[in-house]
Amino acid sequence: MALFKEYLDLDSIWNQPVRQLSLGQRMRAEIAAAILHNPKLLFLDEPTIGLDIVAKRQIREFILRLNRDYCTTVILTSHDLRDIEEICERIIIIDKGVIGIDCSLSELKQSYNQSALVKISLHVPMIEFECEGVKGIKHAEGLEWSFAVDKNVMTTGQFVFEISKVAKIAEIEIKEKPVEDIIHDIYERGSAIV
């Protein structure tokens, strides 16, 4: 019951008629009803659809805690890729009723995320930088650079090591392709079925 209070805030809606509940309040109540008997397997279909940012985070944290503390297996269907990234360890992509990809989220990222964007700010301008598998664009007269790193050629860690040999780095930002973009690319290439 403490778990319900902490994440689902049921006290605030306990005596309220169902027809007066908001979508987020109804969603929290439905999830509470679904887990009253402490199921070993819980199916959730779009559990955060239509919720505000705070409610989405509460629901995601609740699902993670339910999995961790009660060993509840959660099968989640969602078009909200943020739900998938924050909650799931494994992803199954279904296209036209056929399972195309079934792997861990980390395997998906590793297999389909072949590039990274690295933004670097420097203390001293750099005129040029050449490295195999790396394409750079100079900004702010050489004080800022954007690099596309082909991870088939070198890791981002190797790239940072190489550039640190020739540049005085003030700040660095590494951006991997988000899961949403990876899945978009998979469907766009028509390679969801492997």
N, C-alpha and C. Protein backbone atom coordinates (compact mmCIF):
# COMPACT_ATOMS: atom_id res chain seq x y z
N MET A 1 0.82 -1.20 0.00
CA MET A 1 0.00 0.00 0.00
C MET A 1 0.86 1.26 0.00
N ALA A 2 2.01 1.20 0.66
CA ALA A 2 2.91 2.36 0.69
C ALA A 2 3.41 2.67 -0.71
N LEU A 3 3.65 1.63 -1.52
CA LEU A 3 4.09 1.81 -2.89
C LEU A 3 3.04 2.57 -3.70
N PHE A 4 1.77 2.23 -3.50
CA PHE A 4 0.67 2.93 -4.17
C PHE A 4 0.67 4.41 -3.81
N LYS A 5 0.83 4.68 -2.52
CA LYS A 5 0.80 6.07 -2.05
C LYS A 5 1.98 6.86 -2.61
N GLU A 6 3.15 6.24 -2.61
CA GLU A 6 4.36 6.94 -3.03
C GLU A 6 4.34 7.30 -4.51
N TYR A 7 3.92 6.37 -5.36
CA TYR A 7 4.01 6.60 -6.81
C TYR A 7 2.68 6.93 -7.48
N LEU A 8 1.60 6.39 -6.97
CA LEU A 8 0.33 6.55 -7.67
C LEU A 8 -0.57 7.62 -7.06
N ASP A 9 -0.23 8.14 -5.89
CA ASP A 9 -0.97 9.23 -5.26
C ASP A 9 -2.48 8.94 -5.22
N LEU A 10 -2.83 7.75 -4.75
CA LEU A 10 -4.24 7.35 -4.73
C LEU A 10 -5.03 8.04 -3.62
N ASP A 11 -4.36 8.50 -2.57
CA ASP A 11 -5.07 9.20 -1.50
C ASP A 11 -5.84 10.41 -2.01
N SER A 12 -5.27 11.10 -2.99
CA SER A 12 -5.91 12.33 -3.48
C SER A 12 -7.17 12.05 -4.28
N ILE A 13 -7.37 10.82 -4.74
CA ILE A 13 -8.56 10.51 -5.56
C ILE A 13 -9.44 9.43 -4.93
N TRP A 14 -9.11 9.01 -3.74
CA TRP A 14 -9.78 7.88 -3.11
C TRP A 14 -11.30 8.01 -3.06
N ASN A 15 -11.82 9.17 -2.70
CA ASN A 15 -13.27 9.35 -2.55
C ASN A 15 -13.91 10.08 -3.72
N GLN A 16 -13.20 10.18 -4.81
CA GLN A 16 -13.71 10.90 -5.97
C GLN A 16 -14.42 9.94 -6.92
N PRO A 17 -15.59 10.31 -7.44
CA PRO A 17 -16.27 9.44 -8.41
C PRO A 17 -15.42 9.24 -9.67
N VAL A 18 -15.48 8.05 -10.25
CA VAL A 18 -14.67 7.70 -11.40
C VAL A 18 -14.90 8.68 -12.55
N ARG A 19 -16.12 9.08 -12.80
CA ARG A 19 -16.43 9.97 -13.93
C ARG A 19 -15.78 11.35 -13.77
N GLN A 20 -15.33 11.68 -12.56
CA GLN A 20 -14.69 12.98 -12.33
C GLN A 20 -13.15 12.89 -12.36
N LEU A 21 -12.63 11.72 -12.58
CA LEU A 21 -11.17 11.55 -12.62
C LEU A 21 -10.61 11.99 -13.97
N SER A 22 -9.44 12.58 -13.92
CA SER A 22 -8.74 12.94 -15.16
C SER A 22 -8.18 11.66 -15.77
N LEU A 23 -7.66 11.78 -16.99
CA LEU A 23 -7.06 10.62 -17.66
C LEU A 23 -5.90 10.06 -16.83
N GLY A 24 -5.04 10.94 -16.34
CA GLY A 24 -3.90 10.50 -15.53
C GLY A 24 -4.33 9.82 -14.25
N GLN A 25 -5.36 10.35 -13.60
CA GLN A 25 -5.86 9.74 -12.37
C GLN A 25 -6.46 8.37 -12.65
N ARG A 26 -7.22 8.25 -13.75
CA ARG A 26 -7.80 6.95 -14.12
C ARG A 26 -6.70 5.94 -14.44
N MET A 27 -5.67 6.40 -15.13
CA MET A 27 -4.56 5.51 -15.49
C MET A 27 -3.89 4.98 -14.23
N ARG A 28 -3.64 5.84 -13.26
CA ARG A 28 -3.01 5.41 -12.01
C ARG A 28 -3.91 4.42 -11.27
N ALA A 29 -5.21 4.68 -11.25
CA ALA A 29 -6.15 3.78 -10.57
C ALA A 29 -6.22 2.42 -11.27
N GLU A 30 -6.19 2.43 -12.59
CA GLU A 30 -6.24 1.16 -13.33
C GLU A 30 -4.97 0.33 -13.10
N ILE A 31 -3.83 0.99 -13.05
CA ILE A 31 -2.59 0.26 -12.79
C ILE A 31 -2.63 -0.33 -11.37
N ALA A 32 -3.12 0.45 -10.41
CA ALA A 32 -3.24 -0.05 -9.04
C ALA A 32 -4.16 -1.28 -8.99
N ALA A 33 -5.28 -1.22 -9.69
CA ALA A 33 -6.22 -2.34 -9.71
C ALA A 33 -5.58 -3.58 -10.35
N ALA A 34 -4.77 -3.36 -11.37
CA ALA A 34 -4.13 -4.47 -12.07
C ALA A 34 -3.09 -5.19 -11.22
N ILE A 35 -2.52 -4.50 -10.24
CA ILE A 35 -1.46 -5.14 -9.45
C ILE A 35 -1.89 -5.49 -8.03
N LEU A 36 -3.15 -5.30 -7.70
CA LEU A 36 -3.62 -5.62 -6.35
C LEU A 36 -3.29 -7.05 -5.93
N HIS A 37 -3.38 -7.98 -6.83
CA HIS A 37 -3.13 -9.39 -6.51
C HIS A 37 -1.66 -9.79 -6.72
N ASN A 38 -0.76 -8.79 -6.90
CA ASN A 38 0.67 -9.02 -7.05
C ASN A 38 0.98 -10.04 -8.16
N PRO A 39 0.60 -9.71 -9.41
CA PRO A 39 0.82 -10.67 -10.50
C PRO A 39 2.30 -10.83 -10.81
N LYS A 40 2.66 -11.99 -11.30
CA LYS A 40 4.04 -12.24 -11.73
C LYS A 40 4.26 -11.65 -13.13
N LEU A 41 3.18 -11.53 -13.91
CA LEU A 41 3.24 -11.00 -15.26
C LEU A 41 2.19 -9.91 -15.41
N LEU A 42 2.61 -8.75 -15.89
CA LEU A 42 1.71 -7.60 -16.04
C LEU A 42 1.81 -7.06 -17.45
N PHE A 43 0.68 -7.00 -18.15
CA PHE A 43 0.62 -6.42 -19.49
C PHE A 43 0.13 -4.99 -19.37
N LEU A 44 0.89 -4.06 -19.93
CA LEU A 44 0.50 -2.65 -19.93
C LEU A 44 0.51 -2.14 -21.36
N ASP A 45 -0.62 -1.58 -21.79
CA ASP A 45 -0.75 -1.04 -23.14
C ASP A 45 -0.79 0.47 -23.06
N GLU A 46 0.26 1.12 -23.56
CA GLU A 46 0.36 2.58 -23.58
C GLU A 46 0.07 3.19 -22.19
N PRO A 47 0.83 2.80 -21.15
CA PRO A 47 0.50 3.24 -19.79
C PRO A 47 0.68 4.74 -19.54
N THR A 48 1.40 5.44 -20.41
CA THR A 48 1.61 6.87 -20.17
C THR A 48 0.95 7.75 -21.22
N ILE A 49 0.11 7.18 -22.06
CA ILE A 49 -0.51 7.96 -23.13
C ILE A 49 -1.39 9.08 -22.54
N GLY A 50 -1.20 10.26 -23.04
CA GLY A 50 -2.01 11.40 -22.63
C GLY A 50 -1.67 11.99 -21.27
N LEU A 51 -0.60 11.51 -20.64
CA LEU A 51 -0.26 12.00 -19.31
C LEU A 51 0.71 13.17 -19.39
N ASP A 52 0.69 14.02 -18.37
CA ASP A 52 1.66 15.11 -18.33
C ASP A 52 3.03 14.55 -17.92
N ILE A 53 4.04 15.38 -17.99
CA ILE A 53 5.42 14.96 -17.75
C ILE A 53 5.62 14.36 -16.36
N VAL A 54 5.02 14.98 -15.35
CA VAL A 54 5.17 14.51 -13.97
C VAL A 54 4.51 13.14 -13.81
N ALA A 55 3.31 12.99 -14.33
CA ALA A 55 2.59 11.71 -14.21
C ALA A 55 3.32 10.61 -14.97
N LYS A 56 3.85 10.94 -16.16
CA LYS A 56 4.61 9.94 -16.93
C LYS A 56 5.80 9.43 -16.11
N ARG A 57 6.53 10.35 -15.52
CA ARG A 57 7.70 9.94 -14.73
C ARG A 57 7.28 9.07 -13.55
N GLN A 58 6.20 9.44 -12.86
CA GLN A 58 5.72 8.64 -11.73
C GLN A 58 5.38 7.22 -12.17
N ILE A 59 4.68 7.10 -13.29
CA ILE A 59 4.28 5.78 -13.78
C ILE A 59 5.52 4.96 -14.16
N ARG A 60 6.45 5.58 -14.86
CA ARG A 60 7.67 4.87 -15.25
C ARG A 60 8.46 4.39 -14.04
N GLU A 61 8.63 5.26 -13.05
CA GLU A 61 9.35 4.88 -11.83
C GLU A 61 8.61 3.77 -11.08
N PHE A 62 7.29 3.85 -11.07
CA PHE A 62 6.48 2.82 -10.41
C PHE A 62 6.68 1.46 -11.08
N ILE A 63 6.65 1.43 -12.41
CA ILE A 63 6.84 0.18 -13.14
C ILE A 63 8.23 -0.41 -12.87
N LEU A 64 9.24 0.44 -12.88
CA LEU A 64 10.60 -0.03 -12.59
C LEU A 64 10.71 -0.60 -11.18
N ARG A 65 10.09 0.08 -10.24
CA ARG A 65 10.13 -0.38 -8.84
C ARG A 65 9.37 -1.69 -8.68
N LEU A 66 8.25 -1.80 -9.36
CA LEU A 66 7.45 -3.03 -9.33
C LEU A 66 8.27 -4.20 -9.86
N ASN A 67 8.98 -3.98 -10.93
CA ASN A 67 9.83 -5.01 -11.51
C ASN A 67 10.98 -5.37 -10.57
N ARG A 68 11.63 -4.36 -10.03
CA ARG A 68 12.80 -4.58 -9.17
C ARG A 68 12.42 -5.20 -7.83
N ASP A 69 11.43 -4.65 -7.14
CA ASP A 69 11.13 -5.09 -5.78
C ASP A 69 10.24 -6.33 -5.71
N TYR A 70 9.38 -6.51 -6.71
CA TYR A 70 8.43 -7.62 -6.65
C TYR A 70 8.66 -8.65 -7.76
N CYS A 71 9.73 -8.47 -8.53
CA CYS A 71 10.08 -9.39 -9.62
C CYS A 71 8.93 -9.59 -10.60
N THR A 72 8.16 -8.54 -10.81
CA THR A 72 7.04 -8.60 -11.74
C THR A 72 7.58 -8.40 -13.15
N THR A 73 7.28 -9.33 -14.03
CA THR A 73 7.64 -9.18 -15.44
C THR A 73 6.60 -8.29 -16.09
N VAL A 74 7.06 -7.24 -16.76
CA VAL A 74 6.14 -6.28 -17.38
C VAL A 74 6.31 -6.35 -18.88
N ILE A 75 5.21 -6.62 -19.58
CA ILE A 75 5.19 -6.55 -21.03
C ILE A 75 4.48 -5.25 -21.38
N LEU A 76 5.22 -4.38 -22.03
CA LEU A 76 4.77 -3.02 -22.27
C LEU A 76 4.65 -2.79 -23.77
N THR A 77 3.48 -2.33 -24.21
CA THR A 77 3.34 -1.89 -25.60
C THR A 77 3.22 -0.39 -25.56
N SER A 78 3.99 0.27 -26.43
CA SER A 78 3.96 1.72 -26.41
C SER A 78 4.52 2.29 -27.70
N HIS A 79 3.94 3.40 -28.12
CA HIS A 79 4.50 4.16 -29.24
C HIS A 79 5.40 5.27 -28.69
N ASP A 80 5.39 5.44 -27.38
CA ASP A 80 6.24 6.44 -26.73
C ASP A 80 7.59 5.79 -26.46
N LEU A 81 8.55 6.10 -27.32
CA LEU A 81 9.86 5.46 -27.21
C LEU A 81 10.58 5.82 -25.93
N ARG A 82 10.20 6.91 -25.31
CA ARG A 82 10.80 7.28 -24.01
C ARG A 82 10.42 6.23 -22.96
N ASP A 83 9.18 5.73 -23.02
CA ASP A 83 8.76 4.64 -22.12
C ASP A 83 9.69 3.45 -22.30
N ILE A 84 9.91 3.09 -23.55
CA ILE A 84 10.74 1.93 -23.87
C ILE A 84 12.16 2.13 -23.34
N GLU A 85 12.75 3.28 -23.64
CA GLU A 85 14.14 3.54 -23.24
C GLU A 85 14.30 3.54 -21.73
N GLU A 86 13.35 4.10 -21.01
CA GLU A 86 13.50 4.24 -19.56
C GLU A 86 13.09 3.01 -18.78
N ILE A 87 12.24 2.17 -19.36
CA ILE A 87 11.70 1.03 -18.60
C ILE A 87 12.27 -0.31 -19.05
N CYS A 88 12.41 -0.49 -20.34
CA CYS A 88 12.66 -1.83 -20.89
C CYS A 88 14.13 -2.19 -21.02
N GLU A 89 14.41 -3.46 -20.81
CA GLU A 89 15.74 -4.00 -21.06
C GLU A 89 15.76 -4.71 -22.41
N ARG A 90 14.61 -5.17 -22.83
CA ARG A 90 14.50 -5.94 -24.08
C ARG A 90 13.44 -5.27 -24.95
N ILE A 91 13.65 -5.33 -26.27
CA ILE A 91 12.72 -4.72 -27.21
C ILE A 91 12.34 -5.72 -28.29
N ILE A 92 11.07 -5.73 -28.62
CA ILE A 92 10.57 -6.55 -29.72
C ILE A 92 9.86 -5.60 -30.68
N ILE A 93 10.32 -5.58 -31.92
CA ILE A 93 9.69 -4.73 -32.94
C ILE A 93 8.86 -5.63 -33.82
N ILE A 94 7.57 -5.29 -33.92
CA ILE A 94 6.64 -6.08 -34.72
C ILE A 94 6.21 -5.23 -35.91
N ASP A 95 6.31 -5.81 -37.10
CA ASP A 95 5.91 -5.13 -38.32
C ASP A 95 4.92 -6.00 -39.05
N LYS A 96 3.71 -5.51 -39.21
CA LYS A 96 2.64 -6.25 -39.90
C LYS A 96 2.43 -7.63 -39.29
N GLY A 97 2.47 -7.69 -37.97
CA GLY A 97 2.20 -8.93 -37.25
C GLY A 97 3.36 -9.90 -37.17
N VAL A 98 4.51 -9.52 -37.70
CA VAL A 98 5.67 -10.41 -37.69
C VAL A 98 6.77 -9.80 -36.82
N ILE A 99 7.35 -10.63 -35.96
CA ILE A 99 8.46 -10.16 -35.12
C ILE A 99 9.68 -9.96 -36.02
N GLY A 100 10.13 -8.72 -36.07
CA GLY A 100 11.29 -8.39 -36.89
C GLY A 100 12.57 -8.34 -36.10
N ILE A 101 12.49 -7.78 -34.92
CA ILE A 101 13.67 -7.65 -34.07
C ILE A 101 13.27 -8.05 -32.65
N ASP A 102 14.09 -8.87 -32.03
CA ASP A 102 13.88 -9.30 -30.66
C ASP A 102 15.27 -9.36 -30.02
N CYS A 103 15.61 -8.32 -29.26
CA CYS A 103 16.94 -8.27 -28.67
C CYS A 103 16.92 -7.32 -27.47
N SER A 104 18.04 -7.23 -26.79
CA SER A 104 18.12 -6.28 -25.70
C SER A 104 18.21 -4.88 -26.28
N LEU A 105 17.83 -3.89 -25.50
CA LEU A 105 17.88 -2.50 -25.95
C LEU A 105 19.33 -2.10 -26.25
N SER A 106 20.26 -2.58 -25.44
CA SER A 106 21.67 -2.25 -25.68
C SER A 106 22.16 -2.88 -26.98
N GLU A 107 21.72 -4.10 -27.29
CA GLU A 107 22.10 -4.74 -28.56
C GLU A 107 21.53 -3.96 -29.75
N LEU A 108 20.31 -3.48 -29.62
CA LEU A 108 19.70 -2.68 -30.68
C LEU A 108 20.52 -1.43 -30.94
N LYS A 109 20.88 -0.74 -29.86
CA LYS A 109 21.68 0.48 -30.00
C LYS A 109 23.03 0.19 -30.63
N GLN A 110 23.65 -0.89 -30.20
CA GLN A 110 24.97 -1.25 -30.70
C GLN A 110 24.91 -1.68 -32.17
N SER A 111 23.90 -2.43 -32.54
CA SER A 111 23.80 -2.96 -33.90
C SER A 111 23.39 -1.90 -34.93
N TYR A 112 22.51 -1.01 -34.54
CA TYR A 112 21.93 -0.09 -35.51
C TYR A 112 22.40 1.35 -35.35
N ASN A 113 23.18 1.64 -34.35
CA ASN A 113 23.65 3.00 -34.12
C ASN A 113 25.12 3.06 -34.52
N GLN A 114 25.35 3.36 -35.78
CA GLN A 114 26.71 3.28 -36.31
C GLN A 114 27.46 4.61 -36.31
N SER A 115 26.84 5.65 -35.77
CA SER A 115 27.54 6.94 -35.74
C SER A 115 27.20 7.70 -34.46
N ALA A 116 28.06 8.64 -34.14
CA ALA A 116 27.83 9.50 -32.97
C ALA A 116 28.19 10.92 -33.37
N LEU A 117 27.52 11.88 -32.75
CA LEU A 117 27.83 13.28 -32.97
C LEU A 117 28.61 13.77 -31.74
N VAL A 118 29.77 14.33 -31.99
CA VAL A 118 30.60 14.83 -30.90
C VAL A 118 30.81 16.33 -31.12
N LYS A 119 30.37 17.12 -30.13
CA LYS A 119 30.57 18.57 -30.18
C LYS A 119 31.66 18.94 -29.19
N ILE A 120 32.62 19.74 -29.66
CA ILE A 120 33.76 20.09 -28.83
C ILE A 120 33.97 21.60 -28.84
N SER A 121 34.15 22.16 -27.65
CA SER A 121 34.56 23.56 -27.52
C SER A 121 36.02 23.54 -27.08
N LEU A 122 36.81 24.46 -27.65
CA LEU A 122 38.25 24.46 -27.40
C LEU A 122 38.68 25.76 -26.70
N HIS A 123 39.78 25.67 -25.98
CA HIS A 123 40.39 26.86 -25.38
C HIS A 123 41.16 27.66 -26.43
N VAL A 124 41.75 26.96 -27.38
CA VAL A 124 42.57 27.57 -28.44
C VAL A 124 42.02 27.08 -29.78
N PRO A 125 41.82 27.96 -30.75
CA PRO A 125 41.27 27.53 -32.05
C PRO A 125 42.10 26.43 -32.70
N MET A 126 41.42 25.55 -33.41
CA MET A 126 42.08 24.49 -34.15
C MET A 126 41.77 24.73 -35.62
N ILE A 127 42.77 24.72 -36.47
CA ILE A 127 42.60 25.01 -37.89
C ILE A 127 41.95 23.83 -38.62
N GLU A 128 42.48 22.64 -38.37
CA GLU A 128 41.93 21.46 -39.03
C GLU A 128 42.18 20.22 -38.18
N PHE A 129 41.40 19.19 -38.48
CA PHE A 129 41.59 17.90 -37.81
C PHE A 129 41.14 16.83 -38.77
N GLU A 130 42.01 15.89 -39.05
CA GLU A 130 41.68 14.79 -39.94
C GLU A 130 41.94 13.47 -39.23
N CYS A 131 40.98 12.59 -39.38
CA CYS A 131 41.09 11.28 -38.76
C CYS A 131 40.17 10.34 -39.54
N GLU A 132 40.60 9.13 -39.81
CA GLU A 132 39.80 8.19 -40.56
C GLU A 132 38.48 7.89 -39.83
N GLY A 133 37.38 7.95 -40.56
CA GLY A 133 36.07 7.66 -39.99
C GLY A 133 35.44 8.84 -39.27
N VAL A 134 36.06 10.03 -39.40
CA VAL A 134 35.55 11.22 -38.70
C VAL A 134 35.40 12.36 -39.69
N LYS A 135 34.26 13.02 -39.66
CA LYS A 135 34.04 14.22 -40.47
C LYS A 135 33.76 15.37 -39.53
N GLY A 136 34.51 16.45 -39.69
CA GLY A 136 34.38 17.59 -38.79
C GLY A 136 33.92 18.85 -39.50
N ILE A 137 33.17 19.66 -38.77
CA ILE A 137 32.74 20.97 -39.26
C ILE A 137 33.18 22.00 -38.22
N LYS A 138 33.89 23.00 -38.72
CA LYS A 138 34.44 24.05 -37.85
C LYS A 138 33.41 25.16 -37.68
N HIS A 139 33.30 25.66 -36.43
CA HIS A 139 32.41 26.78 -36.10
C HIS A 139 33.22 27.79 -35.28
N ALA A 140 32.72 28.99 -35.19
CA ALA A 140 33.30 30.03 -34.31
C ALA A 140 34.81 30.14 -34.49
N GLU A 141 35.20 30.22 -35.75
CA GLU A 141 36.61 30.42 -36.10
C GLU A 141 37.54 29.37 -35.48
N GLY A 142 37.05 28.14 -35.42
CA GLY A 142 37.88 27.04 -34.94
C GLY A 142 37.83 26.78 -33.46
N LEU A 143 37.02 27.57 -32.72
CA LEU A 143 36.88 27.33 -31.28
C LEU A 143 35.83 26.26 -30.95
N GLU A 144 34.96 25.99 -31.92
CA GLU A 144 33.94 24.96 -31.73
C GLU A 144 33.92 24.07 -32.96
N TRP A 145 33.75 22.77 -32.71
CA TRP A 145 33.72 21.79 -33.79
C TRP A 145 32.58 20.80 -33.55
N SER A 146 32.01 20.32 -34.66
CA SER A 146 31.04 19.23 -34.64
C SER A 146 31.64 18.09 -35.47
N PHE A 147 31.69 16.92 -34.88
CA PHE A 147 32.27 15.76 -35.57
C PHE A 147 31.24 14.63 -35.67
N ALA A 148 31.16 14.03 -36.84
CA ALA A 148 30.38 12.80 -37.03
C ALA A 148 31.40 11.66 -37.00
N VAL A 149 31.24 10.78 -36.03
CA VAL A 149 32.20 9.68 -35.84
C VAL A 149 31.55 8.38 -36.31
N ASP A 150 32.17 7.74 -37.29
CA ASP A 150 31.71 6.44 -37.78
C ASP A 150 32.20 5.37 -36.80
N LYS A 151 31.28 4.80 -36.04
CA LYS A 151 31.67 3.85 -35.00
C LYS A 151 32.12 2.50 -35.55
N ASN A 152 31.98 2.30 -36.87
CA ASN A 152 32.53 1.10 -37.50
C ASN A 152 34.03 1.23 -37.66
N VAL A 153 34.51 2.48 -37.66
CA VAL A 153 35.94 2.74 -37.83
C VAL A 153 36.63 2.94 -36.49
N MET A 154 36.00 3.72 -35.59
CA MET A 154 36.58 3.95 -34.26
C MET A 154 35.47 4.29 -33.26
N THR A 155 35.73 4.01 -32.01
CA THR A 155 34.77 4.34 -30.96
C THR A 155 34.86 5.84 -30.65
N THR A 156 33.86 6.36 -29.99
CA THR A 156 33.92 7.77 -29.59
C THR A 156 35.04 7.98 -28.59
N GLY A 157 35.31 7.00 -27.75
CA GLY A 157 36.41 7.10 -26.80
C GLY A 157 37.76 7.22 -27.49
N GLN A 158 37.95 6.41 -28.55
CA GLN A 158 39.19 6.50 -29.32
C GLN A 158 39.32 7.87 -29.98
N PHE A 159 38.19 8.38 -30.52
CA PHE A 159 38.21 9.69 -31.16
C PHE A 159 38.60 10.78 -30.17
N VAL A 160 37.99 10.76 -28.99
CA VAL A 160 38.30 11.77 -27.97
C VAL A 160 39.79 11.69 -27.60
N PHE A 161 40.30 10.49 -27.48
CA PHE A 161 41.73 10.32 -27.18
C PHE A 161 42.59 10.95 -28.28
N GLU A 162 42.24 10.67 -29.54
CA GLU A 162 43.02 11.19 -30.67
C GLU A 162 42.98 12.72 -30.73
N ILE A 163 41.80 13.31 -30.57
CA ILE A 163 41.71 14.77 -30.68
C ILE A 163 42.35 15.45 -29.48
N SER A 164 42.34 14.79 -28.34
CA SER A 164 42.95 15.40 -27.15
C SER A 164 44.47 15.50 -27.28
N LYS A 165 45.05 14.76 -28.21
CA LYS A 165 46.50 14.84 -28.46
C LYS A 165 46.88 16.16 -29.13
N VAL A 166 45.92 16.75 -29.89
CA VAL A 166 46.24 17.94 -30.69
C VAL A 166 45.44 19.19 -30.31
N ALA A 167 44.49 19.06 -29.41
CA ALA A 167 43.63 20.20 -29.09
C ALA A 167 43.47 20.35 -27.58
N LYS A 168 43.27 21.60 -27.14
CA LYS A 168 43.00 21.88 -25.73
C LYS A 168 41.49 21.97 -25.56
N ILE A 169 40.90 20.88 -25.09
CA ILE A 169 39.44 20.77 -25.01
C ILE A 169 38.92 21.47 -23.77
N ALA A 170 37.92 22.35 -23.98
CA ALA A 170 37.27 23.03 -22.87
C ALA A 170 36.00 22.27 -22.45
N GLU A 171 35.27 21.80 -23.45
CA GLU A 171 34.00 21.12 -23.17
C GLU A 171 33.74 20.12 -24.29
N ILE A 172 33.12 19.00 -23.92
CA ILE A 172 32.82 17.98 -24.92
C ILE A 172 31.42 17.43 -24.66
N GLU A 173 30.69 17.18 -25.74
CA GLU A 173 29.34 16.62 -25.64
C GLU A 173 29.23 15.50 -26.68
N ILE A 174 28.86 14.32 -26.24
CA ILE A 174 28.72 13.17 -27.14
C ILE A 174 27.25 12.80 -27.19
N LYS A 175 26.71 12.77 -28.40
CA LYS A 175 25.30 12.42 -28.59
C LYS A 175 25.19 11.16 -29.45
N GLU A 176 24.60 10.15 -28.88
CA GLU A 176 24.30 8.94 -29.63
C GLU A 176 22.92 9.12 -30.26
N LYS A 177 22.65 8.37 -31.29
CA LYS A 177 21.35 8.44 -31.94
C LYS A 177 20.29 7.89 -31.00
N PRO A 178 19.19 8.64 -30.78
CA PRO A 178 18.14 8.14 -29.89
C PRO A 178 17.45 6.89 -30.47
N VAL A 179 16.89 6.07 -29.60
CA VAL A 179 16.21 4.85 -30.03
C VAL A 179 15.11 5.16 -31.04
N GLU A 180 14.40 6.26 -30.84
CA GLU A 180 13.33 6.63 -31.77
C GLU A 180 13.88 6.78 -33.19
N ASP A 181 15.04 7.42 -33.33
CA ASP A 181 15.65 7.59 -34.65
C ASP A 181 16.13 6.27 -35.22
N ILE A 182 16.66 5.40 -34.36
CA ILE A 182 17.11 4.08 -34.81
C ILE A 182 15.94 3.30 -35.38
N ILE A 183 14.83 3.28 -34.65
CA ILE A 183 13.65 2.52 -35.10
C ILE A 183 13.08 3.15 -36.37
N HIS A 184 13.06 4.48 -36.44
CA HIS A 184 12.61 5.16 -37.65
C HIS A 184 13.46 4.72 -38.84
N ASP A 185 14.78 4.70 -38.67
CA ASP A 185 15.68 4.29 -39.75
C ASP A 185 15.44 2.83 -40.16
N ILE A 186 15.18 1.97 -39.19
CA ILE A 186 14.92 0.56 -39.47
C ILE A 186 13.69 0.42 -40.35
N TYR A 187 12.61 1.11 -39.98
CA TYR A 187 11.38 1.03 -40.77
C TYR A 187 11.53 1.72 -42.12
N GLU A 188 12.25 2.84 -42.16
CA GLU A 188 12.43 3.56 -43.42
C GLU A 188 13.23 2.73 -44.43
N ARG A 189 14.22 2.01 -43.94
CA ARG A 189 15.01 1.14 -44.82
C ARG A 189 14.27 -0.14 -45.17
N GLY A 190 13.15 -0.38 -44.45
CA GLY A 190 12.41 -1.62 -44.70
C GLY A 190 13.11 -2.83 -44.15
N SER A 191 13.98 -2.58 -43.14
CA SER A 191 14.75 -3.71 -42.61
C SER A 191 14.32 -4.10 -41.21
N ALA A 192 13.05 -3.86 -40.89
CA ALA A 192 12.57 -4.25 -39.56
C ALA A 192 12.51 -5.77 -39.45
N ILE A 193 12.32 -6.43 -40.57
CA ILE A 193 12.27 -7.89 -40.55
C ILE A 193 13.65 -8.40 -40.91
N VAL A 194 14.28 -9.07 -39.92
CA VAL A 194 15.64 -9.59 -40.14
C VAL A 194 15.66 -11.09 -39.95
